[in-house]
């Protein structure tokens, strides 16, 4: 089951990239915006990719201004990603300035003003500068400063491990918080 999901994710990423590489002339904007010799082997602009789980339910959606890769099967660079994660009735949204999907590791590394918010249920917002997200397990972690805010409470920690599937957060070190009384 795990291998099947991984293959599905790889197919979702590479089929569109391969089609673009073979059949589409990118033309002006992207080519002209990069210095000579720095053009990616493949690039997609204004992309929305959706991954479904074994039951046919949406598990993950990635939106990006530009997806690019230097080679097929390598690391995919993602510009201004918006990631939506569905898990047991909870919906999460992750925003960042940039990301890289490492296919071999099955990891999406997000960096630059990363913000994770729960879209359903009790409001939760987490902010950090880098977050490693693993789509197959719906887990994420960072060892950098993270701030979590929920219903008048604020907690800061030097690192966190997240299980989005079960809405569990494990704070790593140097935890400090503030509680607003009602």
Protein backbone atom coordinates (compact mmCIF):
# COMPACT_ATOMS: atom_id res chain seq x y z
CA UNK A 1 0.00 0.00 0.00
CA UNK A 2 2.83 2.41 0.89
CA UNK A 3 4.66 1.73 -2.39
CA UNK A 4 1.43 2.12 -4.35
CA UNK A 5 0.79 5.55 -2.80
CA UNK A 6 4.35 6.63 -3.51
CA UNK A 7 4.03 5.54 -7.14
CA UNK A 8 0.78 7.48 -7.43
CA UNK A 9 2.46 10.61 -6.08
CA UNK A 10 5.43 10.22 -8.46
CA UNK A 11 3.06 9.70 -11.40
CA UNK A 12 1.05 12.78 -10.41
CA UNK A 13 4.22 14.86 -10.44
CA UNK A 14 5.98 13.43 -13.49
CA UNK A 15 3.22 12.84 -16.01
CA UNK A 16 2.42 16.57 -16.24
CA UNK A 17 6.13 17.47 -16.22
CA UNK A 18 6.91 14.96 -18.98
CA UNK A 19 3.98 16.13 -21.10
CA UNK A 20 5.12 19.71 -20.83
CA UNK A 21 8.71 18.79 -21.65
CA UNK A 22 7.72 17.03 -24.86
CA UNK A 23 4.75 19.01 -26.15
CA UNK A 24 4.81 22.57 -24.87
CA UNK A 25 6.90 25.57 -25.94
CA UNK A 26 7.34 27.65 -22.79
CA UNK A 27 8.05 30.85 -24.69
CA UNK A 28 8.84 34.18 -23.10
CA UNK A 29 8.32 34.76 -19.40
CA UNK A 30 10.14 31.94 -17.65
CA UNK A 31 13.00 31.63 -20.15
CA UNK A 32 13.66 35.36 -20.18
CA UNK A 33 13.54 35.68 -16.40
CA UNK A 34 16.43 33.22 -15.82
CA UNK A 35 20.08 33.88 -16.68
CA UNK A 36 21.55 31.92 -19.60
CA UNK A 37 22.47 28.37 -18.58
CA UNK A 38 20.17 28.39 -15.52
CA UNK A 39 16.98 27.33 -17.28
CA UNK A 40 15.51 24.17 -15.76
CA UNK A 41 15.12 21.04 -17.86
CA UNK A 42 11.38 21.19 -17.12
CA UNK A 43 9.10 23.94 -15.82
CA UNK A 44 5.36 24.29 -15.29
CA UNK A 45 3.67 27.59 -14.52
CA UNK A 46 0.43 28.08 -12.54
CA UNK A 47 0.21 24.44 -11.45
CA UNK A 48 -2.36 22.57 -9.34
CA UNK A 49 -1.60 18.92 -8.54
CA UNK A 50 -3.99 16.72 -6.57
CA UNK A 51 -3.20 13.37 -4.93
CA UNK A 52 -5.92 10.92 -3.91
CA UNK A 53 -5.71 8.21 -1.26
CA UNK A 54 -6.62 4.54 -1.73
CA UNK A 55 -10.31 5.29 -0.98
CA UNK A 56 -10.45 7.92 -3.74
CA UNK A 57 -10.50 10.86 -1.29
CA UNK A 58 -8.31 13.90 -1.84
CA UNK A 59 -5.24 13.55 0.39
CA UNK A 60 -3.07 16.39 -0.90
CA UNK A 61 -3.24 19.37 -3.24
CA UNK A 62 -0.24 21.48 -4.25
CA UNK A 63 -0.63 24.82 -6.00
CA UNK A 64 2.40 26.71 -7.26
CA UNK A 65 3.32 29.63 -9.46
CA UNK A 66 6.20 27.58 -10.95
CA UNK A 67 7.35 23.96 -10.62
CA UNK A 68 10.76 23.26 -12.12
CA UNK A 69 13.35 20.49 -12.17
CA UNK A 70 16.87 20.21 -13.50
CA UNK A 71 16.34 16.53 -14.35
CA UNK A 72 13.54 13.98 -14.30
CA UNK A 73 13.53 11.97 -11.10
CA UNK A 74 15.45 14.63 -9.20
CA UNK A 75 14.50 17.45 -6.89
CA UNK A 76 11.54 19.59 -7.94
CA UNK A 77 11.71 23.29 -7.04
CA UNK A 78 8.37 24.84 -6.10
CA UNK A 79 7.81 28.60 -6.13
CA UNK A 80 5.25 30.06 -3.67
CA UNK A 81 3.66 26.70 -2.82
CA UNK A 82 0.21 26.32 -1.29
CA UNK A 83 -0.29 22.81 0.08
CA UNK A 84 -3.66 21.53 1.24
CA UNK A 85 -3.74 18.35 3.30
CA UNK A 86 -6.86 16.32 4.13
CA UNK A 87 -6.71 13.96 7.11
CA UNK A 88 -9.61 12.29 8.98
CA UNK A 89 -11.97 15.20 8.46
CA UNK A 90 -9.36 17.84 9.25
CA UNK A 91 -8.14 20.16 6.55
CA UNK A 92 -4.72 21.84 6.76
CA UNK A 93 -3.13 24.53 4.58
CA UNK A 94 0.62 25.14 4.37
CA UNK A 95 2.02 28.30 2.75
CA UNK A 96 5.66 29.22 2.20
CA UNK A 97 7.91 31.27 -0.06
CA UNK A 98 9.54 28.23 -1.67
CA UNK A 99 9.83 24.49 -1.51
CA UNK A 100 11.73 21.51 -2.86
CA UNK A 101 10.28 18.06 -3.34
CA UNK A 102 12.97 15.39 -3.03
CA UNK A 103 11.45 12.33 -4.66
CA UNK A 104 14.05 9.89 -3.34
CA UNK A 105 13.38 10.98 0.27
CA UNK A 106 9.63 11.46 -0.22
CA UNK A 107 10.07 14.86 1.45
CA UNK A 108 8.73 18.29 0.67
CA UNK A 109 11.05 20.88 2.27
CA UNK A 110 9.29 24.23 2.66
CA UNK A 111 11.20 27.38 3.55
CA UNK A 112 10.70 31.08 4.07
CA UNK A 113 7.81 32.29 6.26
CA UNK A 114 6.16 28.86 6.51
CA UNK A 115 2.61 29.05 7.86
CA UNK A 116 0.49 26.00 8.64
CA UNK A 117 -3.18 26.52 9.53
CA UNK A 118 -5.98 24.12 10.33
CA UNK A 119 -8.91 24.99 8.08
CA UNK A 120 -11.52 22.89 9.92
CA UNK A 121 -12.22 22.37 13.61
CA UNK A 122 -10.55 24.53 16.24
CA UNK A 123 -8.36 27.23 14.70
CA UNK A 124 -4.63 26.51 14.93
CA UNK A 125 -1.80 28.40 13.25
CA UNK A 126 1.89 27.44 13.27
CA UNK A 127 4.73 29.58 11.92
CA UNK A 128 8.38 28.75 11.33
CA UNK A 129 11.12 29.38 8.76
CA UNK A 130 11.48 25.78 7.53
CA UNK A 131 9.28 22.69 7.60
CA UNK A 132 9.92 19.20 6.24
CA UNK A 133 6.63 17.59 5.17
CA UNK A 134 6.22 13.90 4.24
CA UNK A 135 3.06 13.52 2.12
CA UNK A 136 2.82 9.73 2.39
CA UNK A 137 2.59 9.74 6.20
CA UNK A 138 1.16 13.27 6.57
CA UNK A 139 3.89 14.05 9.09
CA UNK A 140 6.11 17.11 9.33
CA UNK A 141 8.91 18.44 11.50
CA UNK A 142 11.29 21.30 12.03
CA UNK A 143 14.13 21.88 14.46
CA UNK A 144 13.80 25.67 14.14
CA UNK A 145 11.78 28.06 16.28
CA UNK A 146 8.05 27.45 15.84
CA UNK A 147 5.14 29.51 17.18
CA UNK A 148 1.76 27.84 17.65
CA UNK A 149 -1.33 29.95 18.29
CA UNK A 150 -4.78 28.58 19.09
CA UNK A 151 -7.80 30.13 20.84
CA UNK A 152 -5.95 32.74 22.88
CA UNK A 153 -2.96 30.52 23.64
CA UNK A 154 0.55 30.90 22.27
CA UNK A 155 3.40 28.39 22.54
CA UNK A 156 6.94 28.79 21.22
CA UNK A 157 9.32 25.86 20.88
CA UNK A 158 12.68 25.10 19.36
CA UNK A 159 11.30 22.45 17.04
CA UNK A 160 8.14 20.41 16.64
CA UNK A 161 7.03 17.07 15.22
CA UNK A 162 3.58 17.06 13.64
CA UNK A 163 1.24 14.19 12.89
CA UNK A 164 -1.42 15.90 10.74
CA UNK A 165 -3.33 12.65 10.32
CA UNK A 166 -4.11 12.53 14.05
CA UNK A 167 -3.66 16.25 14.91
CA UNK A 168 -0.80 15.54 17.33
CA UNK A 169 2.04 18.03 17.95
CA UNK A 170 5.17 17.12 19.90
CA UNK A 171 7.19 20.12 21.00
CA UNK A 172 10.93 19.50 20.99
CA UNK A 173 12.84 21.85 23.31
CA UNK A 174 12.89 25.18 25.11
CA UNK A 175 9.08 25.34 25.25
CA UNK A 176 7.51 28.55 26.52
CA UNK A 177 3.93 29.72 26.34
CA UNK A 178 1.29 32.26 27.14
CA UNK A 179 -2.29 31.56 28.14
CA UNK A 180 -5.03 34.15 27.80
CA UNK A 181 -7.64 33.77 30.56
CA UNK A 182 -11.30 34.02 29.69
